[in-house]
Amino acid sequence: MTVKRRRSWGTIKKLPSGNHRASYVGPDGITYAAPQTYKAKIDAEGWLGNVKRTIDLETWTPPGAEKSRGLSLAAYSAMWLSHRTLKPRTRSLYDDLLRLHINPKLVRRGISN
């Protein structure tokens, strides 16, 4: 009798074609699959290992997510505010909230952080 071992992280399924499909549940709770299938199970395990490492190092981003261009929150919020049709009092309030409370706390944080 063979004992089926559970993987500690991620899943690998053997497809009818004989290839292996690797998938995992990301930190955001969504299941992601490898961009391709693998002929050898060890290749699928290697791909899962690489993804797990990026998650552990906190450098993981969801597949397909647009990369940030180094835009700071302060720059984005100024751009966002300038593109809104707001009454003067509302614009002043939003500007004050950003300037006094939000930007000082998150001054070094980029959009992707």
Foldseek 3Di string as FASTA:
>chain_A
DDDDDDDPFWDWDQDPVQWIKTWGQDPVRDIDIDPDTHNDPVVSVVVVVVQVVCVVVVNDDDPPDDDFPQAFPLNVLVVVLVPDDDDPVVSVVSVCCCVPPNCVVRVPPHPVD
